[in-house]
Protein backbone atom coordinates (compact mmCIF):
# COMPACT_ATOMS: atom_id res chain seq x y z
CA MET A 1 9.97 140.05 55.74
CA THR A 2 8.99 137.03 57.77
CA SER A 3 5.52 137.96 59.05
CA VAL A 4 2.73 140.41 58.41
CA VAL A 5 2.67 143.43 60.70
CA HIS A 6 -0.61 144.93 61.89
CA VAL A 7 -0.58 148.56 62.99
CA ARG A 8 -3.52 150.54 64.38
CA VAL A 9 -3.94 153.82 62.51
CA PRO A 10 -6.77 156.08 63.71
CA SER A 11 -8.46 158.62 61.46
CA TYR A 12 -6.53 161.69 62.57
CA GLU A 13 -5.70 164.67 60.37
CA ASN A 14 -1.98 164.13 60.89
CA LEU A 15 -2.34 160.49 59.77
CA SER A 16 -4.15 161.00 56.49
CA LEU A 17 -3.09 159.00 53.45
CA GLU A 18 -1.44 162.13 52.05
CA GLN A 19 0.69 162.44 55.22
CA ILE A 20 1.56 158.76 55.11
CA PHE A 21 2.52 158.86 51.43
CA SER A 22 4.61 161.99 51.97
CA HIS A 23 6.52 160.05 54.64
CA PHE A 24 7.53 157.56 51.91
CA ASP A 25 8.28 160.08 49.14
CA GLN A 26 11.99 159.22 49.15
CA ASP A 27 11.37 155.46 49.18
CA ALA A 28 9.78 154.47 45.87
CA GLU A 29 10.36 150.79 46.68
CA VAL A 30 7.24 150.59 48.88
CA TYR A 31 4.98 151.61 46.00
CA ARG A 32 5.78 148.33 44.23
CA TYR A 33 3.60 146.56 46.80
CA LEU A 34 0.61 148.92 46.53
CA PRO A 35 -2.08 149.17 43.85
CA GLY A 36 -1.41 151.73 41.16
CA GLY A 37 -3.32 154.70 39.81
CA LYS A 38 -6.91 155.27 40.90
CA GLU A 39 -7.05 151.95 42.70
CA LEU A 40 -4.72 153.21 45.42
CA ARG A 41 -7.30 155.77 46.59
CA LYS A 42 -10.00 153.07 46.69
CA THR A 43 -7.93 150.78 48.89
CA PRO A 44 -8.71 150.87 52.63
CA LYS A 45 -6.27 152.95 54.66
CA GLN A 46 -5.80 150.17 57.21
CA TRP A 47 -4.69 147.70 54.52
CA ILE A 48 -2.25 150.23 53.06
CA CYS A 49 -0.76 150.91 56.49
CA ASN A 50 -0.43 147.19 57.28
CA VAL A 51 1.43 146.62 53.99
CA LEU A 52 3.69 149.63 54.64
CA ALA A 53 4.37 148.49 58.20
CA THR A 54 5.24 145.01 56.95
CA ILE A 55 7.65 146.42 54.37
CA ALA A 56 9.17 149.33 56.30
CA GLY A 57 9.07 147.69 59.72
CA LYS A 58 9.71 149.31 63.08
CA PRO A 59 10.62 152.81 61.81
CA PHE A 60 7.17 153.21 60.23
CA VAL A 61 5.37 151.80 63.29
CA ASP A 62 7.35 154.16 65.53
CA TRP A 63 6.46 157.09 63.24
CA ILE A 64 2.76 156.19 63.52
CA LYS A 65 3.01 156.03 67.32
CA PHE A 66 4.83 159.37 67.39
CA ARG A 67 2.10 161.02 65.27
CA ILE A 68 -0.63 159.57 67.54
CA ASN A 69 1.12 160.83 70.68
CA GLU A 70 1.74 164.21 69.04
CA ARG A 71 -1.95 164.58 68.19
CA ASN A 72 -3.09 163.46 71.65
CA ALA A 73 -0.75 165.93 73.36
CA GLN A 74 -2.10 168.73 71.16
CA VAL A 75 -5.71 167.83 72.07
CA VAL A 76 -4.85 167.90 75.78
CA LYS A 77 -3.23 171.29 75.35
CA ASP A 78 -5.99 172.80 73.16
CA ARG A 79 -8.85 171.61 75.34
CA ASN A 80 -7.08 172.24 78.64
CA LEU A 81 -7.52 168.62 79.71
CA GLY A 82 -4.38 168.41 81.82
CA ILE A 83 -4.80 167.83 85.54
CA PRO A 84 -2.48 169.96 87.69
CA MET A 85 -0.86 168.01 90.52
CA ASP A 86 0.86 169.23 93.68
């Protein structure tokens, strides 16, 4: 870890703190850097994601981007926002 990583994490259902924590269920190492107990739920989501991105690196940032693109594609499909082209 040589520098702090900032990642933009919008408030989407598929990017809730529960989803993010479930992504790290197998990696208990990241929880050493986060507040414990009730304090974790009081901590801003953006701060938590920046710490996780700094620790986990590119795989976590790529996962965030994938979830954002997945959600955006679903919105386009659900709301019929695609533009047909010839």
